[in-house]
N, C-alpha and C. Protein backbone atom coordinates (compact mmCIF):
# COMPACT_ATOMS: atom_id res chain seq x y z
N UNK A 1 132.30 114.06 107.23
CA UNK A 1 131.50 114.28 106.14
C UNK A 1 130.56 115.49 106.37
N UNK A 2 130.23 115.66 107.73
CA UNK A 2 129.46 116.70 108.23
C UNK A 2 130.14 117.99 107.90
N UNK A 3 131.47 118.08 108.39
CA UNK A 3 132.36 119.22 108.17
C UNK A 3 132.47 119.57 106.79
N UNK A 4 132.80 118.63 105.80
CA UNK A 4 132.83 119.00 104.43
C UNK A 4 131.46 119.45 103.83
N UNK A 5 130.31 118.89 104.31
CA UNK A 5 128.99 119.31 103.79
C UNK A 5 128.90 120.71 104.18
N UNK A 6 129.25 121.19 105.48
CA UNK A 6 129.00 122.43 106.03
C UNK A 6 129.91 123.43 105.13
N UNK A 7 131.10 123.19 104.86
CA UNK A 7 131.92 124.20 104.09
C UNK A 7 131.40 124.19 102.76
N UNK A 8 131.02 123.16 102.08
CA UNK A 8 130.49 123.33 100.76
C UNK A 8 129.15 124.17 100.74
N UNK A 9 128.33 124.00 101.84
CA UNK A 9 127.16 124.82 101.88
C UNK A 9 127.59 126.14 102.04
N UNK A 10 128.63 126.51 102.86
CA UNK A 10 128.92 127.90 103.07
C UNK A 10 129.47 128.62 101.83
N UNK A 11 130.12 127.89 100.97
CA UNK A 11 130.83 128.30 99.72
C UNK A 11 129.74 128.27 98.64
N UNK A 12 128.50 127.79 98.77
CA UNK A 12 127.57 127.69 97.81
C UNK A 12 128.02 126.65 96.71
N UNK A 13 128.78 125.55 97.01
CA UNK A 13 129.15 124.57 96.07
C UNK A 13 128.20 123.38 96.04
N UNK A 14 127.13 123.43 96.63
CA UNK A 14 126.30 122.31 96.47
C UNK A 14 125.00 122.66 95.43
N UNK A 15 124.83 121.66 94.64
CA UNK A 15 123.85 121.76 93.68
C UNK A 15 122.42 121.66 94.38
N UNK A 16 121.41 122.46 94.02
CA UNK A 16 120.17 122.38 94.65
C UNK A 16 119.30 121.60 93.64
N UNK A 17 118.88 120.31 93.79
CA UNK A 17 118.09 119.60 93.14
C UNK A 17 116.60 119.77 93.48
N UNK A 18 115.92 119.97 92.52
CA UNK A 18 114.32 120.03 92.63
C UNK A 18 113.95 118.33 92.83
N UNK A 19 113.42 118.12 93.96
CA UNK A 19 113.05 116.65 94.30
C UNK A 19 111.37 116.54 94.11
N UNK A 20 111.21 115.53 93.21
CA UNK A 20 109.66 115.22 93.10
C UNK A 20 109.10 114.89 94.40
N UNK A 21 107.80 115.22 94.58
CA UNK A 21 107.06 114.87 95.88
C UNK A 21 106.22 113.57 95.43
N UNK A 22 106.22 112.59 96.34
CA UNK A 22 105.53 111.46 96.35
C UNK A 22 104.60 111.36 97.54
N UNK A 23 103.46 111.19 97.23
CA UNK A 23 102.52 110.94 98.32
C UNK A 23 102.60 109.63 98.93
N UNK A 24 102.72 109.50 100.18
CA UNK A 24 102.71 108.29 101.02
C UNK A 24 101.81 108.01 101.81
N UNK A 25 100.81 108.80 101.91
CA UNK A 25 99.83 108.76 103.07
C UNK A 25 98.51 108.79 102.26
N UNK A 26 97.53 107.76 102.27
CA UNK A 26 96.17 107.87 101.72
C UNK A 26 95.33 107.52 102.81
N UNK A 27 94.72 108.65 103.48
CA UNK A 27 93.93 108.59 104.36
C UNK A 27 92.41 108.52 104.05
N UNK A 28 92.10 108.56 102.65
CA UNK A 28 90.64 108.64 102.12
C UNK A 28 90.24 107.09 101.95
N UNK A 29 89.93 106.48 102.98
CA UNK A 29 89.47 105.03 102.98
C UNK A 29 88.20 104.98 103.98
N UNK A 30 87.76 103.71 103.87
CA UNK A 30 86.62 103.62 104.79
C UNK A 30 86.88 102.58 105.77
N UNK A 31 88.17 102.28 105.94
CA UNK A 31 88.67 101.46 107.24
C UNK A 31 88.68 102.14 108.59
N UNK A 32 88.57 101.31 109.70
CA UNK A 32 88.29 102.20 110.93
C UNK A 32 89.81 102.77 111.22
N UNK A 33 89.68 103.97 111.95
CA UNK A 33 90.80 104.70 112.32
C UNK A 33 90.54 104.77 113.86
N UNK A 34 91.73 105.24 114.47
CA UNK A 34 91.65 105.32 116.00
C UNK A 34 92.11 106.59 116.47
N UNK A 35 91.61 106.97 117.72
CA UNK A 35 91.95 108.41 118.21
C UNK A 35 93.46 108.41 118.68
N UNK A 36 93.96 109.74 118.68
CA UNK A 36 95.32 110.01 119.13
C UNK A 36 95.51 109.92 120.61
N UNK A 37 95.97 108.87 121.14
CA UNK A 37 96.12 108.61 122.66
C UNK A 37 97.78 108.84 122.91
N UNK A 38 98.56 108.96 121.91
CA UNK A 38 100.02 109.03 122.13
C UNK A 38 100.32 110.47 122.67
N UNK A 39 99.56 111.50 122.35
CA UNK A 39 99.96 112.77 122.91
C UNK A 39 99.56 112.89 124.37
N UNK A 40 98.89 112.02 124.97
CA UNK A 40 98.68 112.16 126.45
C UNK A 40 99.52 111.26 127.16
N UNK A 41 100.51 110.64 126.53
CA UNK A 41 101.52 109.76 127.40
C UNK A 41 102.67 110.36 127.78
N UNK A 42 102.95 110.19 129.13
CA UNK A 42 104.23 110.83 129.62
C UNK A 42 105.39 109.66 129.94
N UNK A 43 106.17 109.84 128.77
CA UNK A 43 107.16 108.75 128.56
C UNK A 43 108.25 108.69 129.73
N UNK A 44 108.34 107.51 130.24
CA UNK A 44 109.48 107.39 131.34
C UNK A 44 110.28 106.26 131.14
N UNK A 45 110.23 105.50 129.84
CA UNK A 45 110.91 104.49 129.55
C UNK A 45 110.67 103.91 128.21
N UNK A 46 111.60 103.00 127.81
CA UNK A 46 111.47 102.46 126.48
C UNK A 46 110.08 101.43 126.34
N UNK A 47 109.77 101.19 125.11
CA UNK A 47 108.68 100.25 124.86
C UNK A 47 107.37 100.72 125.51
N UNK A 48 107.17 102.09 125.56
CA UNK A 48 105.92 102.64 126.07
C UNK A 48 105.11 103.09 124.81
N UNK A 49 105.93 103.72 123.80
CA UNK A 49 105.31 104.40 122.79
C UNK A 49 106.20 104.02 121.46
N UNK A 50 105.70 103.43 120.40
CA UNK A 50 106.41 103.25 119.12
C UNK A 50 105.65 104.22 118.10
N UNK A 51 106.53 105.04 117.39
CA UNK A 51 105.98 105.77 116.37
C UNK A 51 106.38 105.23 114.95
N UNK A 52 105.59 105.34 114.17
CA UNK A 52 105.78 104.69 112.74
C UNK A 52 105.41 105.55 111.53
N UNK A 53 106.08 105.48 110.47
CA UNK A 53 105.89 106.39 109.22
C UNK A 53 106.61 105.57 108.07
N UNK A 54 106.10 106.34 106.90
CA UNK A 54 106.64 105.76 105.60
C UNK A 54 107.21 107.18 105.02
N UNK A 55 108.37 106.75 104.19
CA UNK A 55 108.84 107.87 103.07
C UNK A 55 109.38 107.13 101.91
N UNK A 56 109.70 107.96 100.91
CA UNK A 56 109.97 107.49 99.73
C UNK A 56 111.53 107.92 99.41
N UNK A 57 112.11 107.12 98.51
CA UNK A 57 113.53 107.35 98.17
C UNK A 57 113.63 107.07 96.54
N UNK A 58 114.28 108.07 96.02
CA UNK A 58 114.20 108.04 94.46
C UNK A 58 115.49 107.36 94.02
N UNK A 59 115.25 106.33 93.10
CA UNK A 59 116.37 105.66 92.44
C UNK A 59 116.38 106.31 91.07
N UNK A 60 117.36 105.86 90.07
CA UNK A 60 117.47 106.39 88.72
C UNK A 60 116.22 105.92 87.97
N UNK A 61 115.63 104.90 88.25
CA UNK A 61 114.47 104.40 87.32
C UNK A 61 113.13 104.30 87.95
N UNK A 62 113.21 104.56 89.45
CA UNK A 62 112.01 104.14 90.14
C UNK A 62 112.00 104.89 91.52
N UNK A 63 110.87 104.83 92.26
CA UNK A 63 110.85 105.07 93.71
C UNK A 63 110.80 103.87 94.61
N UNK A 64 111.37 103.88 95.78
CA UNK A 64 111.20 102.80 96.65
C UNK A 64 110.75 103.30 97.89
N UNK A 65 110.14 102.53 98.80
CA UNK A 65 109.66 103.13 100.01
C UNK A 65 110.20 102.72 101.31
N UNK A 66 110.30 103.32 102.30
CA UNK A 66 110.82 102.97 103.58
C UNK A 66 109.87 103.15 104.64
N UNK A 67 109.54 102.01 105.51
CA UNK A 67 108.86 101.95 106.61
C UNK A 67 109.50 101.98 107.78
N UNK A 68 109.53 102.68 108.85
CA UNK A 68 110.24 102.56 110.00
C UNK A 68 109.52 102.62 111.31
N UNK A 69 109.90 102.05 112.27
CA UNK A 69 109.24 102.37 113.60
C UNK A 69 110.43 102.67 114.72
N UNK A 70 110.13 103.71 115.38
CA UNK A 70 111.03 104.23 116.37
C UNK A 70 110.46 104.10 117.77
N UNK A 71 111.41 103.69 118.81
CA UNK A 71 111.00 103.94 120.00
C UNK A 71 111.04 105.38 120.41
N UNK A 72 109.86 106.00 120.98
CA UNK A 72 109.85 107.28 120.95
C UNK A 72 110.55 107.95 122.24
N UNK A 73 110.90 107.01 123.21
CA UNK A 73 111.75 107.56 124.34
C UNK A 73 113.07 107.71 124.05
N UNK A 74 113.67 106.50 123.38
CA UNK A 74 115.09 106.46 122.96
C UNK A 74 115.49 107.01 121.69
N UNK A 75 114.35 107.20 120.69
CA UNK A 75 114.58 107.45 119.32
C UNK A 75 115.36 106.44 118.48
N UNK A 76 115.41 105.28 119.03
CA UNK A 76 115.97 104.25 118.36
C UNK A 76 115.09 103.66 117.27
N UNK A 77 115.67 103.35 116.11
CA UNK A 77 115.04 102.70 115.10
C UNK A 77 114.82 101.06 115.57
N UNK A 78 113.58 100.66 115.89
CA UNK A 78 113.52 99.18 116.28
C UNK A 78 113.01 98.43 115.06
N UNK A 79 112.48 98.96 114.16
CA UNK A 79 112.19 98.07 113.02
C UNK A 79 112.11 98.85 111.79
N UNK A 80 112.50 98.29 110.50
CA UNK A 80 112.31 99.03 109.22
C UNK A 80 112.19 98.02 108.11
N UNK A 81 111.70 98.46 107.06
CA UNK A 81 111.66 97.63 105.82
C UNK A 81 111.72 98.56 104.63
N UNK A 82 112.55 98.30 103.63
CA UNK A 82 112.49 98.75 102.34
C UNK A 82 111.86 97.95 101.22
N UNK A 83 111.08 98.66 100.44
CA UNK A 83 110.34 97.83 99.37
C UNK A 83 110.08 98.62 98.12
N UNK A 84 109.84 98.10 97.09
CA UNK A 84 109.48 98.67 95.76
C UNK A 84 107.95 98.92 95.83
N UNK A 85 107.32 98.38 96.77
CA UNK A 85 105.86 98.70 96.92
C UNK A 85 105.40 99.29 97.97
N UNK A 86 104.44 100.21 97.95
CA UNK A 86 104.06 100.78 99.05
C UNK A 86 102.53 100.28 99.57
N UNK A 87 102.63 99.24 100.17
CA UNK A 87 101.25 98.57 100.63
C UNK A 87 101.49 98.19 102.21
N UNK A 88 100.41 97.24 102.46
CA UNK A 88 100.46 97.08 104.05
C UNK A 88 101.63 96.11 104.11
N UNK A 89 102.06 95.31 103.28
CA UNK A 89 103.23 94.30 103.79
C UNK A 89 104.50 95.36 104.00
N UNK A 90 104.77 96.29 103.53
CA UNK A 90 105.86 97.12 103.65
C UNK A 90 105.76 97.58 105.21
N UNK A 91 104.74 97.86 105.63
CA UNK A 91 104.54 98.43 107.08
C UNK A 91 104.59 97.00 108.13
N UNK A 92 103.98 95.97 107.46
CA UNK A 92 104.14 94.73 108.33
C UNK A 92 105.37 94.14 108.53
N UNK A 93 106.19 94.23 107.57
CA UNK A 93 107.55 93.57 107.64
C UNK A 93 108.19 94.53 108.69
N UNK A 94 108.15 95.92 108.65
CA UNK A 94 108.81 96.72 109.64
C UNK A 94 108.40 96.33 111.00
N UNK A 95 107.01 96.03 111.16
CA UNK A 95 106.37 95.76 112.44
C UNK A 95 106.92 94.33 112.94
N UNK A 96 107.00 93.48 112.06
CA UNK A 96 107.53 92.12 112.42
C UNK A 96 108.98 92.22 112.85
N UNK A 97 109.82 93.08 112.17
CA UNK A 97 111.23 93.23 112.63
C UNK A 97 111.24 93.78 113.99
N UNK A 98 110.41 94.86 114.34
CA UNK A 98 110.37 95.33 115.66
C UNK A 98 109.92 94.46 116.79
N UNK A 99 108.93 93.54 116.44
CA UNK A 99 108.34 92.61 117.39
C UNK A 99 109.49 91.63 117.60
N UNK A 100 110.21 91.18 116.64
CA UNK A 100 111.29 90.15 116.73
C UNK A 100 112.58 90.80 117.52
N UNK A 101 112.87 91.95 117.57
CA UNK A 101 113.78 92.72 118.18
C UNK A 101 113.69 93.14 119.49
N UNK A 102 112.41 93.41 120.07
CA UNK A 102 112.05 93.93 121.18
C UNK A 102 111.30 93.07 122.05
N UNK A 103 111.35 93.05 123.30
CA UNK A 103 110.67 92.38 124.35
C UNK A 103 109.56 93.37 124.87
N UNK A 104 108.48 93.33 124.32
CA UNK A 104 107.44 94.25 124.79
C UNK A 104 106.70 93.95 125.95
N UNK A 105 106.14 94.91 126.68
CA UNK A 105 105.30 94.66 127.69
C UNK A 105 103.86 95.19 127.57
N UNK A 106 102.95 94.81 128.45
CA UNK A 106 101.56 95.31 128.38
C UNK A 106 101.63 96.87 128.42
N UNK A 107 100.74 97.40 127.55
CA UNK A 107 100.64 98.84 127.59
C UNK A 107 101.14 99.76 126.55
N UNK A 108 102.05 98.96 125.68
CA UNK A 108 102.79 99.55 124.65
C UNK A 108 101.69 100.06 123.63
N UNK A 109 102.10 101.54 123.28
CA UNK A 109 101.09 102.07 122.24
C UNK A 109 101.86 102.40 120.85
N UNK A 110 101.24 101.97 119.82
CA UNK A 110 101.66 102.15 118.49
C UNK A 110 100.99 103.23 117.77
N UNK A 111 101.82 104.16 117.41
CA UNK A 111 101.32 105.49 116.80
C UNK A 111 101.76 105.61 115.41
N UNK A 112 100.76 106.07 114.63
CA UNK A 112 101.02 106.16 113.13
C UNK A 112 100.00 107.30 112.60
N UNK A 113 100.16 107.56 111.23
CA UNK A 113 99.05 108.43 110.62
C UNK A 113 97.85 107.50 110.34
N UNK A 114 96.96 108.17 109.71
CA UNK A 114 95.61 107.34 109.25
C UNK A 114 95.85 106.64 107.88
N UNK A 115 96.85 106.44 107.42
CA UNK A 115 97.16 105.91 106.12
C UNK A 115 96.69 104.51 106.10
N UNK A 116 96.11 104.19 104.79
CA UNK A 116 95.50 102.93 104.58
C UNK A 116 96.38 101.72 105.02
N UNK A 117 97.91 101.85 104.88
CA UNK A 117 98.68 100.74 105.25
C UNK A 117 98.59 100.48 106.65
N UNK A 118 98.42 101.39 107.53
CA UNK A 118 98.20 101.11 109.02
C UNK A 118 96.82 100.82 109.40
N UNK A 119 95.85 101.02 108.65
CA UNK A 119 94.59 100.81 108.88
C UNK A 119 93.93 99.23 108.46
N UNK A 120 94.73 98.71 107.53
CA UNK A 120 94.38 97.34 107.14
C UNK A 120 94.15 96.29 108.13
N UNK A 121 93.27 95.35 108.02
CA UNK A 121 92.97 94.53 108.97
C UNK A 121 94.23 93.44 109.34
N UNK A 122 95.12 93.31 108.49
CA UNK A 122 96.35 92.59 108.85
C UNK A 122 97.21 93.33 109.91
N UNK A 123 97.27 94.59 109.52
CA UNK A 123 98.14 95.45 110.51
C UNK A 123 97.57 95.52 111.80
N UNK A 124 96.15 96.01 111.74
CA UNK A 124 95.68 96.14 113.02
C UNK A 124 95.58 94.93 113.89
N UNK A 125 95.25 93.79 113.17
CA UNK A 125 95.09 92.38 113.93
C UNK A 125 96.49 92.17 114.46
N UNK A 126 97.58 92.45 113.70
CA UNK A 126 99.00 92.04 114.31
C UNK A 126 99.22 92.90 115.53
N UNK A 127 98.89 94.23 115.77
CA UNK A 127 98.91 94.96 116.76
C UNK A 127 98.02 94.37 118.00
N UNK A 128 96.92 94.13 117.66
CA UNK A 128 95.96 93.60 118.79
C UNK A 128 96.53 92.17 119.18
N UNK A 129 96.82 91.38 118.30
CA UNK A 129 97.31 90.05 118.60
C UNK A 129 98.53 90.23 119.74
N UNK A 130 99.27 91.11 119.59
CA UNK A 130 100.45 91.32 120.54
C UNK A 130 100.18 92.30 121.72
N UNK A 131 98.89 92.67 121.93
CA UNK A 131 98.44 93.46 123.11
C UNK A 131 98.96 94.92 122.95
N UNK A 132 99.09 95.34 121.67
CA UNK A 132 99.58 96.86 121.51
C UNK A 132 98.38 97.65 121.33
N UNK A 133 98.27 98.81 121.93
CA UNK A 133 97.32 99.96 121.63
C UNK A 133 97.49 100.44 120.57
N UNK A 134 96.37 101.06 119.91
CA UNK A 134 96.58 101.84 118.53
C UNK A 134 96.31 103.28 118.76
N UNK A 135 97.20 103.95 118.10
CA UNK A 135 96.96 105.41 118.16
C UNK A 135 97.21 106.11 116.75
N UNK A 136 96.34 106.92 116.29
CA UNK A 136 96.64 107.64 114.95
C UNK A 136 96.67 109.03 114.91
N UNK A 137 97.38 109.70 114.18
CA UNK A 137 97.47 111.21 114.10
C UNK A 137 95.92 111.73 113.57
N UNK A 138 95.77 112.88 113.74
CA UNK A 138 94.56 113.56 113.19
C UNK A 138 94.96 113.74 111.84
N UNK A 139 93.87 113.85 110.81
CA UNK A 139 94.18 114.15 109.34
C UNK A 139 94.85 115.35 109.37
N UNK A 140 95.72 115.46 108.41
CA UNK A 140 96.31 116.87 108.03
C UNK A 140 97.26 117.43 109.21
N UNK A 141 97.76 116.69 110.13
CA UNK A 141 98.48 117.14 111.24
C UNK A 141 99.69 116.29 111.47
N UNK A 142 100.79 116.58 110.62
CA UNK A 142 102.06 115.80 110.64
C UNK A 142 102.85 115.87 112.04
N UNK A 143 102.45 117.02 112.75
CA UNK A 143 103.19 117.29 113.98
C UNK A 143 102.77 116.28 114.93
N UNK A 144 101.91 115.59 115.08
CA UNK A 144 101.53 114.50 115.81
C UNK A 144 102.53 113.32 115.69
N UNK A 145 103.10 113.37 114.63
CA UNK A 145 104.22 112.26 114.43
C UNK A 145 105.55 112.61 114.07
N UNK A 146 105.92 113.76 114.93
CA UNK A 146 107.01 114.50 114.54
C UNK A 146 108.51 113.79 114.65
N UNK A 147 108.54 112.92 115.73
CA UNK A 147 109.72 112.14 115.89
C UNK A 147 110.14 111.36 114.68
N UNK A 148 109.12 110.61 114.10
CA UNK A 148 109.35 109.94 113.03
C UNK A 148 109.73 110.75 111.69
N UNK A 149 109.00 111.84 111.69
CA UNK A 149 109.35 112.92 110.56
C UNK A 149 110.84 113.28 110.71
N UNK A 150 111.33 113.51 111.98
CA UNK A 150 112.54 114.16 112.29
C UNK A 150 113.58 113.20 111.88
N UNK A 151 113.34 111.80 112.22
CA UNK A 151 114.31 110.74 111.74
C UNK A 151 114.48 110.81 110.12
N UNK A 152 113.35 110.71 109.43
CA UNK A 152 113.53 110.82 108.10
C UNK A 152 114.39 111.94 107.50
N UNK A 153 114.18 113.22 108.27
CA UNK A 153 114.97 114.36 107.70
C UNK A 153 116.54 114.24 107.91
N UNK A 154 116.89 113.35 109.05
CA UNK A 154 118.27 113.19 109.50
C UNK A 154 118.63 112.06 108.28
N UNK A 155 117.89 111.10 108.09
CA UNK A 155 118.38 110.03 107.14
C UNK A 155 118.62 110.59 105.83
N UNK A 156 117.62 111.61 105.31
CA UNK A 156 117.81 112.09 104.01
C UNK A 156 119.04 112.99 103.86
N UNK A 157 119.27 113.70 104.79
CA UNK A 157 120.14 114.87 104.79
C UNK A 157 121.56 114.39 105.15
N UNK A 158 121.66 113.14 105.91
CA UNK A 158 123.14 112.73 106.23
C UNK A 158 123.29 111.48 105.49
N UNK A 159 122.37 110.84 104.66
CA UNK A 159 122.76 109.70 103.97
C UNK A 159 122.18 109.72 102.51
N UNK A 160 120.91 109.70 102.37
CA UNK A 160 120.29 109.54 101.00
C UNK A 160 120.73 110.66 100.03
N UNK A 161 120.44 111.98 100.49
CA UNK A 161 121.07 113.17 99.50
C UNK A 161 122.49 113.11 99.19
N UNK A 162 123.21 112.36 99.94
CA UNK A 162 124.72 112.28 99.63
C UNK A 162 125.31 111.37 98.76
N UNK A 163 124.28 110.50 98.39
CA UNK A 163 124.67 109.29 97.50
C UNK A 163 123.69 109.10 96.53
N UNK A 164 124.08 108.77 95.18
CA UNK A 164 123.20 108.33 94.08
C UNK A 164 123.07 106.74 93.99
N UNK A 165 121.98 106.23 94.70
CA UNK A 165 121.98 104.76 94.66
C UNK A 165 121.60 104.33 93.31
N UNK A 166 122.22 103.36 92.82
CA UNK A 166 121.99 102.92 91.26
C UNK A 166 121.03 101.79 91.26
N UNK A 167 120.94 101.06 92.40
CA UNK A 167 120.01 99.92 92.49
C UNK A 167 119.23 99.64 93.89
N UNK A 168 118.28 98.98 93.67
CA UNK A 168 117.46 98.79 94.97
C UNK A 168 118.45 98.11 96.04
N UNK A 169 119.12 97.14 95.72
CA UNK A 169 119.98 96.46 96.45
C UNK A 169 121.14 97.37 97.26
N UNK A 170 121.61 98.24 96.48
CA UNK A 170 122.51 99.33 96.95
C UNK A 170 121.75 100.18 97.97
N UNK A 171 120.66 100.62 97.64
CA UNK A 171 119.91 101.56 98.53
C UNK A 171 119.62 100.77 99.87
N UNK A 172 119.15 99.53 99.79
CA UNK A 172 118.98 98.81 101.04
C UNK A 172 120.18 98.50 101.89
N UNK A 173 121.23 98.30 101.30
CA UNK A 173 122.40 97.99 102.06
C UNK A 173 122.87 99.39 102.65
N UNK A 174 123.05 100.33 101.95
CA UNK A 174 123.55 101.62 102.55
C UNK A 174 122.55 102.23 103.72
N UNK A 175 121.17 102.11 103.40
CA UNK A 175 120.33 102.69 104.32
C UNK A 175 120.30 101.72 105.52
N UNK A 176 120.29 100.58 105.37
CA UNK A 176 120.42 99.55 106.54
C UNK A 176 121.69 99.80 107.37
N UNK A 177 122.82 100.04 106.59
CA UNK A 177 123.98 100.45 107.38
C UNK A 177 124.00 101.73 108.15
N UNK A 178 123.20 102.81 107.65
CA UNK A 178 123.02 104.00 108.24
C UNK A 178 122.30 103.82 109.49
N UNK A 179 121.13 103.16 109.37
CA UNK A 179 120.16 102.87 110.59
C UNK A 179 120.82 102.15 111.63
N UNK A 180 121.47 101.11 111.28
CA UNK A 180 122.05 100.17 112.34
C UNK A 180 123.38 100.71 112.90
N UNK A 181 124.33 101.06 111.98
CA UNK A 181 125.78 101.38 112.27
C UNK A 181 125.94 102.82 112.65
N UNK A 182 125.12 103.66 112.15
CA UNK A 182 125.35 105.15 112.43
C UNK A 182 124.34 105.77 113.21
N UNK A 183 123.12 105.73 112.71
CA UNK A 183 121.97 106.34 113.54
C UNK A 183 121.86 105.75 114.87
N UNK A 184 121.58 104.52 115.13
CA UNK A 184 121.31 103.75 116.33
C UNK A 184 122.59 103.81 117.09
N UNK A 185 123.84 103.51 116.57
CA UNK A 185 125.08 103.33 117.24
C UNK A 185 125.99 104.57 117.51
N UNK A 186 125.89 105.42 116.60
CA UNK A 186 126.85 106.60 116.82
C UNK A 186 126.15 108.02 116.94
N UNK A 187 125.08 108.24 116.20
CA UNK A 187 124.63 109.48 116.17
C UNK A 187 124.22 110.09 117.50
N UNK A 188 124.68 111.14 117.93
CA UNK A 188 124.35 111.86 119.09
C UNK A 188 123.03 112.74 119.07
N UNK A 189 122.27 112.67 120.07
CA UNK A 189 121.04 113.25 120.23
C UNK A 189 120.90 114.32 121.36
N UNK A 190 120.68 115.51 121.20
CA UNK A 190 120.55 116.50 122.31
C UNK A 190 119.45 116.11 123.31
N UNK A 191 118.45 115.54 122.88
CA UNK A 191 117.38 115.11 123.61
C UNK A 191 117.75 113.98 124.49
N UNK A 192 118.76 113.22 124.09
CA UNK A 192 119.15 112.11 125.04
C UNK A 192 120.39 112.47 125.80
N UNK A 193 120.75 113.52 125.94
CA UNK A 193 121.85 113.87 126.63
C UNK A 193 123.24 113.78 125.92
N UNK A 194 123.24 113.99 124.54
CA UNK A 194 124.20 113.89 123.60
C UNK A 194 124.83 112.30 123.57
N UNK A 195 124.08 111.51 123.57
CA UNK A 195 124.42 110.06 123.49
C UNK A 195 123.77 109.44 122.41
N UNK A 196 124.20 108.52 121.57
CA UNK A 196 123.31 107.76 120.71
C UNK A 196 122.43 106.80 121.31
N UNK A 197 121.21 106.52 120.47
CA UNK A 197 120.16 105.77 121.03
C UNK A 197 120.47 104.41 121.79
N UNK A 198 121.52 103.64 121.12
CA UNK A 198 121.92 102.40 121.69
C UNK A 198 122.54 102.56 123.22
N UNK A 199 123.39 103.55 123.25
CA UNK A 199 124.10 103.91 124.44
C UNK A 199 123.21 104.40 125.44
N UNK A 200 122.08 105.31 125.16
CA UNK A 200 121.04 105.74 125.89
C UNK A 200 120.30 104.55 126.60
N UNK A 201 119.86 103.62 125.66
CA UNK A 201 119.10 102.48 126.33
C UNK A 201 119.93 101.63 127.10
N UNK A 202 121.26 101.43 126.84
CA UNK A 202 122.27 100.73 127.86
C UNK A 202 122.36 101.46 129.10
N UNK A 203 122.31 102.71 129.22
CA UNK A 203 122.23 103.54 130.51
C UNK A 203 120.91 103.22 131.27
N UNK A 204 119.86 103.16 130.55
CA UNK A 204 118.67 102.74 131.12
C UNK A 204 118.68 101.32 131.72
N UNK A 205 119.23 100.32 131.03
CA UNK A 205 119.39 99.08 131.62
C UNK A 205 120.27 98.98 132.70
N UNK A 206 121.28 99.73 132.76
CA UNK A 206 122.29 99.66 133.87
C UNK A 206 121.58 100.36 135.14
N UNK A 207 120.76 101.32 134.91
CA UNK A 207 120.19 102.04 136.22
C UNK A 207 119.17 101.12 136.68
N UNK A 208 118.37 100.28 135.96
CA UNK A 208 117.36 99.33 136.25
C UNK A 208 118.07 98.23 137.18
N UNK A 209 119.12 97.57 136.63
CA UNK A 209 119.90 96.70 137.21
C UNK A 209 120.68 97.03 138.46
């Protein structure tokens, strides 16, 4: 599909669609925020830094919202959730998925923007209950969370923009398949030595054992 997309782009056969912008970050709140400690971390393995973010996906009659958590070292999506509502539960469900999937150790840092979804008591308490340190980007500086932004660009370019989802169920099925079966399992990353995240993590386990 990438080759076909490249040829169509070169031949100017792609329709350029004006896409509506939906704000997903509301940092104008009075809840506590935290300093950015993620930028000072020298990554040497998995489960040292998780990065999280939210994006929107347009359906024919509505917008739906995707929250993801990536391991910053392996670029693997370790937790995600798609919802019709952009609230704290959206992010909590993604966090719960990550916690059920990964065996975390002391010192793990969770990084996000200062959005209200990540600053709510429920979300902050869940992180603290699991011994996870909290880090947040500076206001108006999306580069602090560049790895999550990079994932969203990949997801939309290689999946979302190529299909017209008719229903929420279809969107959830296809996006889940892309994350688990394509991105984590097959997509090559130059930063990982041109192997996919699952294989990269497998190499780490093999080296340790």
